[in-house]
Amino acid sequence: MSDISPKAEIDPRARIGNNVKIFPFAYIEGDVEIGDNCVIFPFTSVLDGTRMGKGNKVHQGAVIGALPQDFNFRGEKSELIIGDNNVFRENVVINRATHTGGQTVIGDDNFLMEGAHISHDTKVGNQCVFGYGTKIAGSCEIGNNVIFSSSVIENAGTRVGRGSMVQAGCTFSKDIPPFIIVTRKGEYGGVNATIGRAHGTSDTVIKHIANAYRLVFHGQTSLFDAIKQIEDQVPDGPEIQDVVNFLSSTQAGVITKM
């Protein structure tokens, strides 16, 4: 049975799971699903189109499922899909998608610190951290285990590969490949070995990743030729395949070397 304050404003059409705690002065619209074991703190808004999984915590001042800040939005129905066990701290804003059938997606076990903002149609993987005041523009893609430090700005239509870390104050408009550190200036700063080891990547594989990126960022060839060199010179494996596939599919181009 859920613990719902009579002082919360909840549309009777909203679907609320079991063992959900909703504090006073929360606002929940009708086209909303909230899964079991969620906690909705005071002065939060959970708006139409939100589909929230289990075990999520939404802290004070957060707006979940906000209308997209997109000039192409015409009031269409769209969705925000949230997985399980995410934490949305104070004043976080997540926009639903712009067009009918579109989705903004937040995976599982993500932590969004105070003031973070995820915009329309962006797809976020699992176990990511978004630092204070980080802003993610529309139609971005973010892989698993990504860490954004404070006040990072990711511009629209860009991607961040899994296991990468973006240092505080960075603004970027190109893709960030997997398993790397990106400096405040938006430049390649080496392989993210600490996160790699934390997720079970061996030192041998980390060296292979470093060799792959040496060809990309310190070689004297095009990205196309660097990819061919990786395939020819670096021992294959799942991580190297991730690197090659990411680089091969870039539309925005990738960040530069230091």
Protein backbone atom coordinates (compact mmCIF):
# COMPACT_ATOMS: atom_id res chain seq x y z
CA MET A 1 0.00 0.00 0.00
CA SER A 2 1.28 3.45 -0.88
CA ASP A 3 1.72 6.40 1.47
CA ILE A 4 0.23 9.39 -0.34
CA SER A 5 -0.25 12.72 1.40
CA PRO A 6 -3.74 14.23 1.09
CA LYS A 7 -1.97 17.53 0.47
CA ALA A 8 -0.42 16.26 -2.76
CA GLU A 9 -2.30 17.16 -5.96
CA ILE A 10 -2.69 13.98 -7.99
CA ASP A 11 -4.93 13.51 -11.01
CA PRO A 12 -7.10 10.45 -10.34
CA ARG A 13 -6.13 9.01 -13.73
CA ALA A 14 -2.46 8.71 -12.71
CA ARG A 15 -1.33 5.13 -12.15
CA ILE A 16 0.58 4.80 -8.91
CA GLY A 17 2.36 1.55 -7.95
CA ASN A 18 2.73 -0.14 -4.59
CA ASN A 19 4.73 1.20 -1.66
CA VAL A 20 5.07 4.64 -3.26
CA LYS A 21 5.56 7.59 -0.91
CA ILE A 22 4.28 10.94 -2.14
CA PHE A 23 4.90 13.96 0.08
CA PRO A 24 2.70 17.06 0.49
CA PHE A 25 2.58 19.58 -2.35
CA ALA A 26 3.75 17.18 -5.04
CA TYR A 27 1.92 17.67 -8.36
CA ILE A 28 1.19 14.67 -10.59
CA GLU A 29 -0.75 14.88 -13.85
CA GLY A 30 -3.10 12.25 -15.28
CA ASP A 31 -1.12 10.62 -18.09
CA VAL A 32 1.56 9.39 -15.68
CA GLU A 33 2.77 6.01 -14.48
CA ILE A 34 4.84 5.70 -11.31
CA GLY A 35 6.24 2.26 -10.46
CA ASP A 36 6.58 0.54 -7.11
CA ASN A 37 8.78 1.85 -4.31
CA CYS A 38 9.26 5.34 -5.72
CA VAL A 39 9.58 8.42 -3.50
CA ILE A 40 8.18 11.75 -4.70
CA PHE A 41 9.32 14.57 -2.42
CA PRO A 42 7.48 17.89 -1.79
CA PHE A 43 7.21 20.55 -4.48
CA THR A 44 7.96 18.22 -7.37
CA SER A 45 6.06 17.95 -10.65
CA VAL A 46 5.56 14.72 -12.58
CA LEU A 47 3.86 15.64 -15.83
CA ASP A 48 1.93 14.01 -18.67
CA GLY A 49 3.77 11.43 -20.73
CA THR A 50 6.01 10.24 -17.89
CA ARG A 51 6.45 6.47 -17.50
CA MET A 52 8.52 5.87 -14.39
CA GLY A 53 9.86 2.50 -13.28
CA LYS A 54 10.57 1.22 -9.78
CA GLY A 55 12.62 2.63 -6.93
CA ASN A 56 13.13 6.16 -8.25
CA LYS A 57 13.55 9.19 -5.99
CA VAL A 58 12.45 12.64 -7.17
CA HIS A 59 13.62 15.44 -4.91
CA GLN A 60 12.28 18.93 -4.23
CA GLY A 61 11.81 21.29 -7.13
CA ALA A 62 12.37 18.68 -9.84
CA VAL A 63 10.20 18.75 -12.97
CA ILE A 64 9.86 15.37 -14.62
CA GLY A 65 8.25 15.18 -18.06
CA ALA A 66 8.36 18.93 -18.73
CA LEU A 67 7.20 20.18 -22.11
CA PRO A 68 10.04 20.11 -24.68
CA GLN A 69 11.91 23.37 -25.15
CA ASP A 70 11.87 22.96 -28.91
CA PHE A 71 10.40 25.42 -31.42
CA ASN A 72 9.12 22.43 -33.41
CA PHE A 73 6.85 21.35 -30.56
CA ARG A 74 3.17 21.71 -31.41
CA GLY A 75 1.57 20.27 -28.31
CA GLU A 76 1.78 16.66 -29.43
CA LYS A 77 1.61 13.68 -27.10
CA SER A 78 5.00 12.12 -26.46
CA GLU A 79 6.76 10.27 -23.68
CA LEU A 80 9.50 10.30 -21.09
CA ILE A 81 10.56 6.75 -20.23
CA ILE A 82 12.42 6.32 -16.92
CA GLY A 83 13.88 3.02 -15.75
CA ASP A 84 14.55 1.88 -12.19
CA ASN A 85 16.48 3.21 -9.19
CA ASN A 86 17.32 6.65 -10.52
CA VAL A 87 17.90 9.65 -8.26
CA PHE A 88 16.75 13.09 -9.44
CA ARG A 89 18.03 15.69 -7.00
CA GLU A 90 16.72 19.20 -6.40
CA ASN A 91 15.66 21.30 -9.40
CA VAL A 92 16.43 18.65 -12.02
CA VAL A 93 14.44 19.08 -15.24
CA ILE A 94 13.73 16.29 -17.73
CA ASN A 95 11.81 17.10 -20.93
CA ARG A 96 9.61 14.64 -22.75
CA ALA A 97 10.04 14.15 -26.51
CA THR A 98 8.94 16.67 -29.12
CA HIS A 99 6.75 14.65 -31.52
CA THR A 100 4.13 11.95 -31.30
CA GLY A 101 5.79 8.56 -30.91
CA GLY A 102 9.03 10.13 -29.69
CA GLN A 103 10.67 9.31 -26.39
CA THR A 104 13.16 10.80 -24.02
CA VAL A 105 14.75 7.82 -22.24
CA ILE A 106 16.55 7.58 -18.90
CA GLY A 107 17.87 4.09 -18.08
CA ASP A 108 18.57 2.55 -14.67
CA ASP A 109 20.67 3.59 -11.66
CA ASN A 110 21.50 7.10 -12.85
CA PHE A 111 22.25 9.97 -10.45
CA LEU A 112 21.36 13.51 -11.50
CA MET A 113 22.69 16.17 -9.16
CA GLU A 114 21.09 19.51 -8.39
CA GLY A 115 20.15 21.60 -11.41
CA ALA A 116 20.90 19.01 -14.10
CA HIS A 117 18.74 19.21 -17.24
CA ILE A 118 18.09 16.49 -19.84
CA SER A 119 16.36 17.83 -22.94
CA HIS A 120 13.85 16.36 -25.39
CA ASP A 121 14.49 13.09 -27.25
CA THR A 122 17.79 12.41 -25.49
CA LYS A 123 18.64 8.79 -24.65
CA VAL A 124 20.62 8.06 -21.47
CA GLY A 125 21.98 4.61 -20.58
CA ASN A 126 22.58 3.13 -17.15
CA GLN A 127 24.73 4.10 -14.16
CA CYS A 128 25.56 7.60 -15.35
CA VAL A 129 26.31 10.61 -13.14
CA PHE A 130 25.33 14.15 -14.08
CA GLY A 131 27.12 16.78 -11.98
CA TYR A 132 25.71 20.02 -10.62
CA GLY A 133 24.20 22.22 -13.31
CA THR A 134 25.04 19.94 -16.23
CA LYS A 135 22.87 20.62 -19.29
CA ILE A 136 22.22 18.05 -22.02
CA ALA A 137 20.59 19.41 -25.18
CA GLY A 138 18.03 17.67 -27.37
CA SER A 139 18.49 14.44 -29.35
CA CYS A 140 21.73 13.40 -27.65
CA GLU A 141 22.84 9.83 -26.92
CA ILE A 142 24.72 8.90 -23.76
CA GLY A 143 26.06 5.41 -23.12
CA ASN A 144 26.39 3.48 -19.86
CA ASN A 145 28.71 4.47 -17.01
CA VAL A 146 29.31 8.03 -18.24
CA ILE A 147 30.33 10.70 -15.73
CA PHE A 148 29.71 14.40 -16.30
CA SER A 149 31.38 16.71 -13.82
CA SER A 150 29.76 20.01 -12.82
CA SER A 151 28.49 22.55 -15.36
CA VAL A 152 29.06 20.48 -18.48
CA ILE A 153 27.12 21.49 -21.60
CA GLU A 154 26.47 18.90 -24.31
CA ASN A 155 25.13 20.47 -27.49
CA ALA A 156 22.32 18.99 -29.56
CA GLY A 157 22.64 15.83 -31.59
CA THR A 158 25.91 14.63 -30.09
CA ARG A 159 26.88 11.32 -28.48
CA VAL A 160 28.98 10.20 -25.54
CA GLY A 161 30.29 6.64 -25.58
CA ARG A 162 30.16 4.37 -22.57
CA GLY A 163 32.69 4.66 -19.78
CA SER A 164 33.80 8.20 -20.61
CA MET A 165 34.22 11.13 -18.22
CA VAL A 166 33.77 14.81 -19.06
CA GLN A 167 35.57 17.28 -16.83
CA ALA A 168 33.89 20.27 -15.19
CA GLY A 169 33.00 23.28 -17.30
CA CYS A 170 33.38 21.52 -20.64
CA THR A 171 31.15 22.54 -23.56
CA PHE A 172 31.23 20.26 -26.58
CA SER A 173 29.54 19.97 -29.97
CA LYS A 174 31.18 16.80 -31.28
CA ASP A 175 30.97 13.15 -30.29
CA ILE A 176 32.97 11.79 -27.36
CA PRO A 177 34.11 8.20 -28.04
CA PRO A 178 33.94 5.45 -25.38
CA PHE A 179 36.36 4.97 -22.49
CA ILE A 180 38.10 8.36 -22.52
CA ILE A 181 38.55 11.46 -20.40
CA VAL A 182 37.63 14.80 -21.96
CA THR A 183 39.26 17.96 -20.64
CA ARG A 184 37.55 21.20 -19.73
CA LYS A 185 38.55 22.50 -23.19
CA GLY A 186 36.71 19.63 -24.89
CA GLU A 187 39.90 17.79 -25.90
CA TYR A 188 41.07 14.20 -25.58
CA GLY A 189 42.74 13.73 -22.20
CA GLY A 190 43.59 10.04 -22.20
CA VAL A 191 41.86 6.74 -21.46
CA ASN A 192 39.50 6.60 -18.49
CA ALA A 193 41.38 3.72 -16.85
CA THR A 194 39.88 4.22 -13.40
CA ILE A 195 36.31 3.68 -14.55
CA GLY A 196 37.42 0.89 -16.87
CA ARG A 197 39.02 -1.05 -14.00
CA ALA A 198 35.99 -0.38 -11.78
CA HIS A 199 33.84 -2.15 -14.37
CA GLY A 200 36.17 -5.09 -14.83
CA THR A 201 38.30 -4.03 -17.79
CA SER A 202 41.75 -5.61 -17.59
CA ASP A 203 44.97 -3.60 -17.80
CA THR A 204 45.78 -5.39 -21.07
CA VAL A 205 42.54 -4.23 -22.66
CA ILE A 206 43.07 -0.71 -21.31
CA LYS A 207 46.44 -0.67 -23.10
CA HIS A 208 44.73 -1.80 -26.31
CA ILE A 209 42.20 1.01 -25.98
CA ALA A 210 45.02 3.51 -25.42
CA ASN A 211 46.79 2.24 -28.54
CA ALA A 212 43.59 2.61 -30.56
CA TYR A 213 43.16 6.21 -29.47
CA ARG A 214 46.83 6.95 -30.09
CA LEU A 215 46.12 6.20 -33.75
CA VAL A 216 43.04 8.43 -33.71
CA PHE A 217 44.31 11.45 -31.79
CA HIS A 218 48.08 11.40 -32.35
CA GLY A 219 48.37 9.94 -35.82
CA GLN A 220 48.75 11.97 -38.98
CA THR A 221 45.84 10.38 -40.83
CA SER A 222 42.13 10.91 -41.34
CA LEU A 223 39.59 9.34 -39.00
CA PHE A 224 38.72 6.85 -41.75
CA ASP A 225 42.35 5.72 -42.04
CA ALA A 226 42.74 5.64 -38.24
CA ILE A 227 39.80 3.24 -38.01
CA LYS A 228 41.44 0.98 -40.60
CA GLN A 229 44.69 1.08 -38.62
CA ILE A 230 42.87 0.10 -35.43
CA GLU A 231 41.32 -2.87 -37.20
CA ASP A 232 44.72 -3.92 -38.58
CA GLN A 233 46.99 -3.21 -35.60
CA VAL A 234 45.02 -3.45 -32.34
CA PRO A 235 43.97 -6.84 -30.91
CA ASP A 236 40.23 -7.29 -31.29
CA GLY A 237 37.74 -7.52 -28.44
CA PRO A 238 34.37 -6.13 -27.34
CA GLU A 239 35.83 -2.80 -26.18
CA ILE A 240 37.77 -2.28 -29.41
CA GLN A 241 34.66 -3.16 -31.38
CA ASP A 242 32.79 -0.49 -29.40
CA VAL A 243 35.47 2.05 -30.30
CA VAL A 244 35.46 1.14 -34.00
CA ASN A 245 31.66 1.08 -34.26
CA PHE A 246 31.33 4.41 -32.48
CA LEU A 247 33.94 6.13 -34.62
CA SER A 248 32.54 4.65 -37.83
CA SER A 249 29.02 5.89 -37.11
CA THR A 250 29.80 9.46 -36.10
CA GLN A 251 27.77 12.18 -37.78
CA ALA A 252 28.97 15.15 -35.76
CA GLY A 253 32.66 14.21 -35.90
CA VAL A 254 34.73 13.49 -32.80
CA ILE A 255 36.53 15.76 -30.37
CA THR A 256 40.11 16.76 -31.05
CA LYS A 257 43.45 15.86 -29.44
CA MET A 258 45.18 18.11 -26.92
